Amino acid sequence: MPIAMDTGGAPEEETVVLPHWVVLHRRGSTRCHNSLDAARVAVDKNKTAAPLDMDGGTSCYVSFTLAPPQKGISCLNLHLPEKPPLTPGIPPTAYSFLRATDNNLVLFDISNPEKKDKKLVLVDISNPDRSCYRQPPADLFVYKAGNPRPSVQCLPPYLEYSTRPFLNDYLTTGILQLEGDRFVVADLNVYHKKKGMRAEICVFNSETEKWKIISKIDLGQFPELWSTHYVLAFDGRFLCWVDYFSGVLLCDFSKNIDSPSLCYVPFPGGKEYPDKVRVDRYFPERFQSVSISQGKIYFVRIDNDFHDRIHGRCRRCPELHDRKRQTTQNITIWTLNSELDWKLHRIINLDSLWVQAGYRDLQIHQRLPEFPTISADDPDVLCCLLTEEEFHGNGWMIMLDMKNAHLQSCESVGMKGHVNKFPNAPLLPTAFCKYLERPTGN
């Protein structure tokens, strides 16, 4: 976890420009200051900064380091009024993780290592014998970008009884902005029952400021081995839970927050994964993504043999591995239409990327792009990360023109020791920064 030491009170000067959209690192950066006043002074001139209140008073500050997607990865900074730990390897008293975004809202949590040793008692009022002890989820916060200054709201703790835990998985919680200043935060549990697949949704309603458990039993033709890898908001009414081995579960909150409707849409392309791959959930987002661009949902798949290799099928059958390497590898993009059908949007052959001068200048082997994200401004532009070795070495942020199969730009972001080192969690594309106050003359 990145930790920075700042013993003085010099104002931050990191956020020079405010791009219209960015890709955020899921893991926040923790910055330590000598005091709360020193933290306040450090972020005083930062347009993204906001105080964070807990227990009735300002406890710390948050800010963002923002970079255009073609220039690098952005991140959330947590400014703590404390000295950094003296012992190497000892984590700070708090660290942050970004869960979801929608419009000008950013949902993140702050975890305290000391809190992990405590247990939360959940009481079933109708049957106290079913009460249980659970590790409490991390504290949730909603950052709201807007004029004249951003603000941060602390959500009340989740204390509802349920047979299954909620809000403990970082990637299963989403936020959806509704009309006016209303929003919902929701977490999903899907599991198998004798009569079919069952879903439970834990929902926070900003109007009532309360959590509620909503049960849905009939999910229709729904995969039994479901795992949520990503949650995104769509069209001011849907939260979309994504399983990159299966498809998208759309939850419509527009008519009734207490009884949302569910609809499952499987991914196109006919790609099937064995049960062991689905259970292990090993990096499915490296070569697949679901993104929102210009009001539409897009699904990206980069052809690869990654899951065949890690589960030994190619080692047992060398001829299978050779055959896969000889086949054409493509990047394919589909879009979801109003009838909830996937339609082919763009497809390019990766050979057209590897032969371009910009790629040859990197002097690396034919490497697959990873963590693809559709540009929020242009559905024909794909933002990806590229490394010289699998999980190791230097990295670059590349932008691909999918319409013309052209490498638009390539920026180094993964040098060893660099603040934007290659992530081991999926990136979070967001356009919240366009709601921030723009610097004078920019």
Protein backbone atom coordinates (compact mmCIF):
# COMPACT_ATOMS: atom_id res chain seq x y z
CA MET A 1 0.00 0.00 0.00
CA PRO A 2 1.56 3.36 -1.01
CA ILE A 3 2.49 5.49 1.99
CA ALA A 4 3.86 9.02 1.66
CA MET A 5 5.37 11.15 4.41
CA ASP A 6 4.62 14.87 4.56
CA THR A 7 5.84 16.54 7.74
CA GLY A 8 5.16 20.08 6.56
CA GLY A 9 2.14 21.95 5.34
CA ALA A 10 3.01 22.93 1.76
CA PRO A 11 -0.10 22.91 -0.47
CA GLU A 12 -0.46 20.15 -3.03
CA GLU A 13 0.22 21.06 -6.64
CA GLU A 14 -0.42 17.68 -8.25
CA THR A 15 -3.74 18.30 -10.00
CA VAL A 16 -2.63 20.69 -12.72
CA VAL A 17 -5.33 19.73 -15.23
CA LEU A 18 -8.80 18.30 -14.81
CA PRO A 19 -9.46 15.75 -17.58
CA HIS A 20 -13.02 14.88 -18.58
CA TRP A 21 -12.54 11.21 -17.65
CA VAL A 22 -9.86 9.09 -15.99
CA VAL A 23 -9.03 5.51 -15.04
CA LEU A 24 -8.65 5.21 -11.28
CA HIS A 25 -6.44 2.76 -9.45
CA ARG A 26 -8.67 0.76 -7.09
CA ARG A 27 -6.18 1.01 -4.24
CA GLY A 28 -5.84 4.45 -2.72
CA SER A 29 -2.63 6.11 -1.61
CA THR A 30 -2.15 6.96 2.09
CA ARG A 31 -0.31 10.17 2.93
CA CYS A 32 0.73 10.96 6.48
CA HIS A 33 1.01 14.48 7.95
CA ASN A 34 2.18 15.77 11.33
CA SER A 35 -1.28 17.07 12.24
CA LEU A 36 -4.77 17.70 10.93
CA ASP A 37 -3.85 21.33 10.25
CA ALA A 38 -0.85 20.20 8.23
CA ALA A 39 -3.11 17.91 6.18
CA ARG A 40 -5.58 20.76 5.61
CA VAL A 41 -2.85 23.16 4.45
CA ALA A 42 -1.39 20.49 2.16
CA VAL A 43 -4.65 20.13 0.21
CA ASP A 44 -5.85 23.73 0.50
CA LYS A 45 -5.36 24.64 -3.17
CA ASN A 46 -6.36 21.27 -4.59
CA LYS A 47 -9.69 21.48 -6.45
CA THR A 48 -10.38 17.80 -5.76
CA ALA A 49 -9.84 17.93 -1.98
CA ALA A 50 -12.59 17.51 0.62
CA PRO A 51 -12.70 17.03 4.41
CA LEU A 52 -13.83 13.67 5.70
CA ASP A 53 -15.91 13.71 8.88
CA MET A 54 -16.23 10.80 11.26
CA ASP A 55 -17.56 10.85 14.80
CA GLY A 56 -18.88 14.41 14.48
CA GLY A 57 -15.73 16.17 13.29
CA THR A 58 -13.12 16.35 10.56
CA SER A 59 -10.86 13.33 10.81
CA CYS A 60 -8.77 13.60 7.65
CA TYR A 61 -8.87 14.82 4.04
CA VAL A 62 -9.17 13.13 0.66
CA SER A 63 -7.95 14.31 -2.73
CA PHE A 64 -7.33 12.86 -6.18
CA THR A 65 -4.24 12.78 -8.35
CA LEU A 66 -5.73 12.97 -11.85
CA ALA A 67 -4.17 12.21 -15.21
CA PRO A 68 -5.73 11.87 -18.67
CA PRO A 69 -6.09 8.15 -19.54
CA GLN A 70 -3.46 8.40 -22.29
CA LYS A 71 -0.98 9.74 -19.73
CA GLY A 72 -1.43 7.31 -16.85
CA ILE A 73 -3.48 5.98 -13.95
CA SER A 74 -5.20 8.29 -11.44
CA CYS A 75 -5.66 7.60 -7.74
CA LEU A 76 -7.40 8.64 -4.53
CA ASN A 77 -5.22 10.10 -1.76
CA LEU A 78 -6.10 9.69 1.91
CA HIS A 79 -4.44 12.39 4.06
CA LEU A 80 -4.05 11.21 7.65
CA PRO A 81 -3.06 13.47 10.57
CA GLU A 82 -0.42 11.09 11.87
CA LYS A 83 3.24 10.26 11.47
CA PRO A 84 4.06 7.33 9.18
CA PRO A 85 4.95 4.01 10.85
CA LEU A 86 8.61 3.74 11.78
CA THR A 87 8.80 0.00 11.09
CA PRO A 88 8.95 -0.96 7.39
CA GLY A 89 6.07 -3.15 6.32
CA ILE A 90 3.71 -1.92 9.04
CA PRO A 91 0.54 -0.54 7.37
CA PRO A 92 -0.93 2.85 8.32
CA THR A 93 -3.90 3.04 10.65
CA ALA A 94 -6.23 3.43 7.65
CA TYR A 95 -6.20 2.83 3.91
CA SER A 96 -8.77 3.26 1.15
CA PHE A 97 -10.21 1.24 -1.71
CA LEU A 98 -12.44 2.52 -4.53
CA ARG A 99 -15.58 0.47 -5.09
CA ALA A 100 -17.71 2.22 -7.75
CA THR A 101 -18.61 5.52 -9.42
CA ASP A 102 -21.58 7.11 -11.18
CA ASN A 103 -21.71 10.63 -12.63
CA ASN A 104 -20.24 12.92 -9.94
CA LEU A 105 -20.29 10.27 -7.19
CA VAL A 106 -17.38 8.07 -6.08
CA LEU A 107 -17.98 5.26 -3.58
CA PHE A 108 -14.95 4.24 -1.53
CA ASP A 109 -14.19 2.58 1.78
CA ILE A 110 -11.64 3.15 4.52
CA SER A 111 -10.36 0.08 6.33
CA ASN A 112 -8.72 0.05 9.72
CA PRO A 113 -6.42 -2.93 10.45
CA GLU A 114 -7.42 -2.78 14.12
CA LYS A 115 -11.10 -3.19 13.16
CA LYS A 116 -10.43 -6.63 11.67
CA ASP A 117 -9.92 -8.07 15.13
CA LYS A 118 -13.44 -7.10 16.20
CA LYS A 119 -16.72 -8.88 15.52
CA LEU A 120 -20.13 -7.41 14.70
CA VAL A 121 -23.21 -8.95 16.35
CA LEU A 122 -26.17 -9.19 13.95
CA VAL A 123 -29.44 -9.98 15.72
CA ASP A 124 -32.42 -11.60 13.99
CA ILE A 125 -35.34 -9.96 15.83
CA SER A 126 -37.81 -12.68 14.78
CA ASN A 127 -35.49 -15.46 15.94
CA PRO A 128 -32.66 -14.38 18.29
CA ASP A 129 -31.21 -17.91 18.22
CA ARG A 130 -30.14 -17.25 14.62
CA SER A 131 -28.05 -14.22 15.58
CA CYS A 132 -24.48 -14.34 14.33
CA TYR A 133 -21.04 -12.79 14.80
CA ARG A 134 -19.37 -11.32 11.76
CA GLN A 135 -16.37 -9.22 10.90
CA PRO A 136 -17.71 -5.69 10.28
CA PRO A 137 -17.40 -4.35 6.73
CA ALA A 138 -15.16 -1.38 6.03
CA ASP A 139 -16.62 2.11 6.54
CA LEU A 140 -18.23 3.40 3.32
CA PHE A 141 -18.06 6.98 2.02
CA VAL A 142 -19.53 8.82 -0.96
CA TYR A 143 -17.40 11.55 -2.55
CA LYS A 144 -19.48 14.12 -4.45
CA ALA A 145 -17.80 16.36 -7.01
CA GLY A 146 -19.44 19.75 -7.57
CA ASN A 147 -19.21 23.49 -7.12
CA PRO A 148 -18.02 25.26 -5.15
CA ARG A 149 -16.19 22.43 -3.40
CA PRO A 150 -16.41 18.62 -3.31
CA SER A 151 -17.88 16.93 -0.25
CA VAL A 152 -17.74 13.50 1.41
CA GLN A 153 -20.69 11.75 3.06
CA CYS A 154 -20.17 8.95 5.56
CA LEU A 155 -22.77 6.18 5.16
CA PRO A 156 -24.32 4.66 8.29
CA PRO A 157 -22.99 1.20 9.21
CA TYR A 158 -24.77 -1.84 7.84
CA LEU A 159 -26.40 -3.58 10.81
CA GLU A 160 -29.17 -5.61 9.13
CA TYR A 161 -29.38 -9.34 9.87
CA SER A 162 -28.99 -11.71 6.92
CA THR A 163 -27.94 -15.31 6.47
CA ARG A 164 -25.06 -14.18 4.23
CA PRO A 165 -22.50 -11.40 4.69
CA PHE A 166 -22.69 -8.19 2.67
CA LEU A 167 -20.28 -5.35 1.81
CA ASN A 168 -17.14 -7.39 2.58
CA ASP A 169 -16.22 -7.98 -1.08
CA TYR A 170 -14.69 -4.86 -2.60
CA LEU A 171 -15.88 -5.57 -6.15
CA THR A 172 -19.56 -6.41 -5.57
CA THR A 173 -20.80 -3.00 -4.35
CA GLY A 174 -22.16 -0.34 -6.73
CA ILE A 175 -23.57 3.17 -6.57
CA LEU A 176 -26.35 4.61 -8.76
CA GLN A 177 -27.34 8.28 -8.93
CA LEU A 178 -31.09 8.79 -9.28
CA GLU A 179 -33.10 11.92 -10.04
CA GLY A 180 -32.24 14.94 -7.97
CA ASP A 181 -29.72 14.34 -5.22
CA ARG A 182 -30.88 10.78 -4.52
CA PHE A 183 -28.68 7.72 -4.86
CA VAL A 184 -28.58 4.06 -3.90
CA VAL A 185 -25.66 1.89 -2.85
CA ALA A 186 -26.23 -1.82 -3.39
CA ASP A 187 -24.37 -5.09 -2.82
CA LEU A 188 -25.30 -8.44 -4.40
CA ASN A 189 -25.23 -12.04 -3.15
CA VAL A 190 -26.13 -14.85 -5.58
CA TYR A 191 -26.32 -18.48 -4.48
CA HIS A 192 -27.99 -21.76 -5.42
CA LYS A 193 -31.14 -23.15 -3.77
CA LYS A 194 -33.10 -26.30 -4.53
CA LYS A 195 -35.72 -24.35 -6.46
CA GLY A 196 -33.17 -22.39 -8.50
CA MET A 197 -30.82 -19.46 -8.18
CA ARG A 198 -31.52 -16.93 -5.45
CA ALA A 199 -30.35 -13.32 -5.22
CA GLU A 200 -30.22 -11.05 -2.20
CA ILE A 201 -29.49 -7.35 -2.59
CA CYS A 202 -28.42 -5.14 0.28
CA VAL A 203 -29.55 -1.59 -0.59
CA PHE A 204 -28.85 1.78 1.01
CA ASN A 205 -31.43 4.46 0.12
CA SER A 206 -30.11 8.02 0.50
CA GLU A 207 -33.67 9.30 1.11
CA THR A 208 -34.34 7.07 4.11
CA GLU A 209 -30.64 6.76 5.06
CA LYS A 210 -31.27 3.11 5.88
CA TRP A 211 -30.08 -0.29 4.64
CA LYS A 212 -32.56 -2.95 3.53
CA ILE A 213 -32.26 -6.58 2.37
CA ILE A 214 -34.23 -7.39 -0.80
CA SER A 215 -34.70 -11.04 -1.83
CA LYS A 216 -35.21 -12.24 -5.41
CA ILE A 217 -35.72 -15.95 -6.06
CA ASP A 218 -36.57 -16.46 -9.76
CA LEU A 219 -33.55 -15.47 -11.88
CA GLY A 220 -34.56 -17.47 -14.96
CA GLN A 221 -31.74 -18.93 -17.06
CA PHE A 222 -28.95 -17.91 -14.70
CA PRO A 223 -25.50 -19.58 -14.31
CA GLU A 224 -25.03 -21.56 -11.11
CA LEU A 225 -21.36 -20.59 -10.65
CA TRP A 226 -21.79 -16.83 -10.53
CA SER A 227 -19.03 -14.50 -9.30
CA THR A 228 -19.23 -10.71 -9.42
CA HIS A 229 -16.09 -9.10 -10.87
CA TYR A 230 -17.34 -5.57 -11.50
CA VAL A 231 -20.34 -3.29 -10.88
CA LEU A 232 -21.25 -0.26 -12.97
CA ALA A 233 -24.17 2.15 -13.22
CA PHE A 234 -26.07 2.72 -16.48
CA ASP A 235 -28.69 5.10 -17.81
CA GLY A 236 -29.65 6.57 -14.43
CA ARG A 237 -31.70 3.45 -13.60
CA PHE A 238 -29.57 0.28 -13.76
CA LEU A 239 -26.87 -1.21 -11.59
CA CYS A 240 -25.07 -3.85 -13.63
CA TRP A 241 -23.26 -6.71 -11.90
CA VAL A 242 -20.73 -8.34 -14.24
CA ASP A 243 -19.38 -11.90 -14.20
CA TYR A 244 -16.70 -11.99 -16.90
CA PHE A 245 -17.15 -15.77 -17.23
CA SER A 246 -20.90 -15.44 -17.83
CA GLY A 247 -22.61 -12.11 -18.53
CA VAL A 248 -24.34 -9.11 -16.99
CA LEU A 249 -27.14 -8.97 -14.40
CA LEU A 250 -29.08 -5.71 -14.81
CA CYS A 251 -31.02 -4.42 -11.80
CA ASP A 252 -33.59 -1.69 -12.55
CA PHE A 253 -34.14 0.74 -9.63
CA SER A 254 -36.15 3.32 -11.61
CA LYS A 255 -39.66 2.23 -10.62
CA ASN A 256 -39.31 0.93 -7.08
CA ILE A 257 -36.14 0.98 -5.00
CA ASP A 258 -37.61 -1.59 -2.59
CA SER A 259 -38.49 -4.02 -5.38
CA PRO A 260 -36.10 -3.66 -8.33
CA SER A 261 -36.46 -5.92 -11.37
CA LEU A 262 -33.62 -8.20 -12.54
CA CYS A 263 -32.62 -9.24 -16.05
CA TYR A 264 -29.68 -11.47 -17.01
CA VAL A 265 -27.88 -11.03 -20.36
CA PRO A 266 -25.16 -13.61 -21.27
CA PHE A 267 -22.04 -12.46 -23.10
CA PRO A 268 -21.74 -12.95 -26.88
CA GLY A 269 -19.10 -15.00 -28.67
CA GLY A 270 -19.90 -18.45 -27.28
CA LYS A 271 -16.84 -18.55 -25.00
CA GLU A 272 -17.20 -21.21 -22.29
CA TYR A 273 -15.04 -21.73 -19.20
CA PRO A 274 -14.62 -24.95 -17.17
CA ASP A 275 -15.94 -25.02 -13.61
CA LYS A 276 -12.45 -24.91 -12.07
CA VAL A 277 -11.69 -21.65 -13.87
CA ARG A 278 -14.97 -20.12 -12.75
CA VAL A 279 -14.44 -21.15 -9.13
CA ASP A 280 -10.84 -19.89 -8.96
CA ARG A 281 -11.82 -16.48 -10.44
CA TYR A 282 -8.23 -15.92 -11.53
CA PHE A 283 -7.81 -12.52 -13.27
CA PRO A 284 -10.86 -12.69 -15.60
CA GLU A 285 -10.67 -8.90 -16.12
CA ARG A 286 -7.20 -9.00 -17.69
CA PHE A 287 -8.62 -9.51 -21.18
CA GLN A 288 -12.31 -8.57 -20.83
CA SER A 289 -14.23 -5.50 -19.75
CA VAL A 290 -17.64 -3.87 -19.72
CA SER A 291 -17.65 -0.09 -20.16
CA ILE A 292 -20.04 2.81 -20.69
CA SER A 293 -19.40 5.20 -23.58
CA GLN A 294 -21.75 7.87 -24.89
CA GLY A 295 -24.70 6.31 -23.07
CA LYS A 296 -24.23 2.72 -24.28
CA ILE A 297 -22.82 -0.49 -22.77
CA TYR A 298 -19.84 -2.07 -24.53
CA PHE A 299 -18.21 -5.46 -23.98
CA VAL A 300 -14.56 -6.01 -24.95
CA ARG A 301 -12.81 -9.37 -25.32
CA ILE A 302 -9.13 -9.89 -26.19
CA ASP A 303 -8.42 -13.40 -27.48
CA ASN A 304 -6.05 -15.24 -25.14
CA ASP A 305 -5.14 -18.66 -23.75
CA PHE A 306 -4.42 -17.45 -20.22
CA HIS A 307 -6.88 -19.69 -18.35
CA ASP A 308 -5.87 -22.72 -20.40
CA ARG A 309 -2.25 -22.18 -19.37
CA ILE A 310 -2.78 -21.57 -15.63
CA HIS A 311 -4.93 -24.69 -15.29
CA GLY A 312 -2.40 -26.92 -17.03
CA ARG A 313 -4.37 -27.92 -20.11
CA CYS A 314 -1.70 -26.54 -22.44
CA ARG A 315 1.13 -28.12 -20.42
CA ARG A 316 -0.50 -31.54 -20.73
CA CYS A 317 -1.27 -31.00 -24.43
CA PRO A 318 1.60 -29.05 -26.07
CA GLU A 319 -0.04 -29.40 -29.46
CA LEU A 320 -3.11 -27.54 -28.10
CA HIS A 321 -0.92 -24.64 -26.99
CA ASP A 322 0.87 -24.52 -30.38
CA ARG A 323 -2.45 -24.58 -32.21
CA LYS A 324 -3.78 -21.71 -30.10
CA ARG A 325 -0.67 -19.62 -30.78
CA GLN A 326 -1.12 -20.14 -34.51
CA THR A 327 -4.74 -19.00 -34.57
CA THR A 328 -5.64 -15.38 -35.23
CA GLN A 329 -5.94 -13.26 -32.09
CA ASN A 330 -8.43 -10.41 -32.19
CA ILE A 331 -9.81 -7.61 -30.07
CA THR A 332 -13.60 -7.62 -30.41
CA ILE A 333 -16.10 -5.06 -29.14
CA TRP A 334 -19.86 -5.58 -28.90
CA THR A 335 -22.55 -3.08 -27.88
CA LEU A 336 -25.80 -3.83 -26.05
CA ASN A 337 -28.86 -2.53 -27.90
CA SER A 338 -32.24 -1.50 -26.50
CA GLU A 339 -33.57 -5.06 -27.01
CA LEU A 340 -30.75 -6.32 -24.73
CA ASP A 341 -29.01 -8.08 -27.62
CA TRP A 342 -25.27 -7.81 -28.30
CA LYS A 343 -24.30 -6.38 -31.70
CA LEU A 344 -20.79 -6.44 -33.15
CA HIS A 345 -19.21 -2.98 -32.97
CA ARG A 346 -15.52 -3.34 -33.90
CA ILE A 347 -12.96 -6.09 -34.44
CA ILE A 348 -9.24 -5.81 -35.19
CA ASN A 349 -6.47 -8.37 -35.65
CA LEU A 350 -3.67 -7.98 -33.11
CA ASP A 351 -1.13 -8.55 -35.87
CA SER A 352 -2.03 -5.04 -37.07
CA LEU A 353 -0.92 -3.68 -33.68
CA TRP A 354 2.33 -5.61 -33.42
CA VAL A 355 3.64 -4.50 -36.85
CA GLN A 356 3.18 -0.78 -36.20
CA ALA A 357 6.26 1.39 -35.69
CA GLY A 358 5.07 2.66 -32.29
CA TYR A 359 4.85 -0.89 -30.96
CA ARG A 360 8.17 -1.99 -32.48
CA ASP A 361 9.84 1.00 -30.78
CA LEU A 362 9.07 -0.62 -27.39
CA GLN A 363 11.43 -3.49 -28.32
CA ILE A 364 9.30 -6.14 -26.62
CA HIS A 365 7.74 -9.39 -27.79
CA GLN A 366 4.21 -9.65 -29.14
CA ARG A 367 2.40 -8.96 -25.86
CA LEU A 368 -1.36 -8.93 -25.42
CA PRO A 369 -2.93 -5.65 -24.23
CA GLU A 370 -4.53 -6.02 -20.78
CA PHE A 371 -7.29 -4.42 -18.68
CA PRO A 372 -9.11 -2.91 -21.71
CA THR A 373 -11.39 0.09 -21.14
CA ILE A 374 -13.55 1.86 -23.72
CA SER A 375 -13.05 5.63 -23.76
CA ALA A 376 -15.92 7.47 -22.09
CA ASP A 377 -15.76 10.03 -24.91
CA ASP A 378 -15.38 7.76 -27.95
CA PRO A 379 -16.54 4.11 -28.28
CA ASP A 380 -13.96 3.60 -31.05
CA VAL A 381 -11.01 4.30 -28.71
CA LEU A 382 -9.73 1.53 -26.45
CA CYS A 383 -7.47 2.22 -23.48
CA CYS A 384 -5.25 -0.70 -22.37
CA LEU A 385 -2.22 -1.54 -20.29
CA LEU A 386 0.80 -3.30 -21.76
CA THR A 387 3.70 -5.01 -19.94
CA GLU A 388 6.98 -6.34 -21.30
CA GLU A 389 6.53 -9.57 -19.30
CA GLU A 390 3.52 -11.27 -17.77
CA PHE A 391 2.90 -9.55 -14.39
CA HIS A 392 6.44 -8.13 -14.43
CA GLY A 393 8.65 -5.47 -15.93
CA ASN A 394 7.89 -2.09 -17.40
CA GLY A 395 4.39 -1.06 -18.42
CA TRP A 396 2.70 1.34 -20.81
CA MET A 397 -0.72 2.86 -21.21
CA ILE A 398 -1.77 2.57 -24.85
CA MET A 399 -4.71 4.03 -26.77
CA LEU A 400 -6.03 2.08 -29.79
CA ASP A 401 -8.16 3.49 -32.59
CA MET A 402 -10.43 0.48 -33.11
CA LYS A 403 -12.02 1.89 -36.23
CA ASN A 404 -8.73 2.15 -38.12
CA ALA A 405 -6.65 -0.43 -36.17
CA HIS A 406 -4.17 2.31 -35.27
CA LEU A 407 -1.96 2.77 -32.19
CA GLN A 408 -2.80 6.35 -31.19
CA SER A 409 -0.48 6.81 -28.23
CA CYS A 410 1.83 4.93 -25.86
CA GLU A 411 2.86 6.33 -22.47
CA SER A 412 5.14 4.68 -19.90
CA VAL A 413 3.30 4.17 -16.60
CA GLY A 414 4.74 1.00 -15.10
CA MET A 415 8.40 1.67 -14.38
CA LYS A 416 9.52 -0.13 -11.23
CA GLY A 417 9.04 2.15 -8.22
CA HIS A 418 6.77 4.50 -10.19
CA VAL A 419 3.67 5.78 -8.40
CA ASN A 420 1.49 4.35 -11.20
CA LYS A 421 2.95 0.85 -11.09
CA PHE A 422 1.03 -1.87 -12.87
CA PRO A 423 -2.10 -2.72 -10.84
CA ASN A 424 -3.14 -6.15 -9.60
CA ALA A 425 -6.81 -5.08 -9.46
CA PRO A 426 -9.06 -3.92 -12.30
CA LEU A 427 -9.02 -0.21 -13.05
CA LEU A 428 -12.09 1.95 -12.52
CA PRO A 429 -13.04 4.22 -15.45
CA THR A 430 -14.96 7.32 -14.33
CA ALA A 431 -16.06 10.76 -15.50
CA PHE A 432 -16.63 12.29 -12.04
CA CYS A 433 -13.84 14.81 -12.64
CA LYS A 434 -15.82 16.72 -15.27
CA TYR A 435 -18.11 17.91 -12.45
CA LEU A 436 -15.25 19.53 -10.54
CA GLU A 437 -14.71 23.27 -10.60
CA ARG A 438 -12.48 24.02 -13.57
CA PRO A 439 -9.28 25.98 -12.91
CA THR A 440 -9.37 29.59 -14.11
CA GLY A 441 -8.12 29.84 -17.69
CA ASN A 442 -8.10 26.04 -18.24
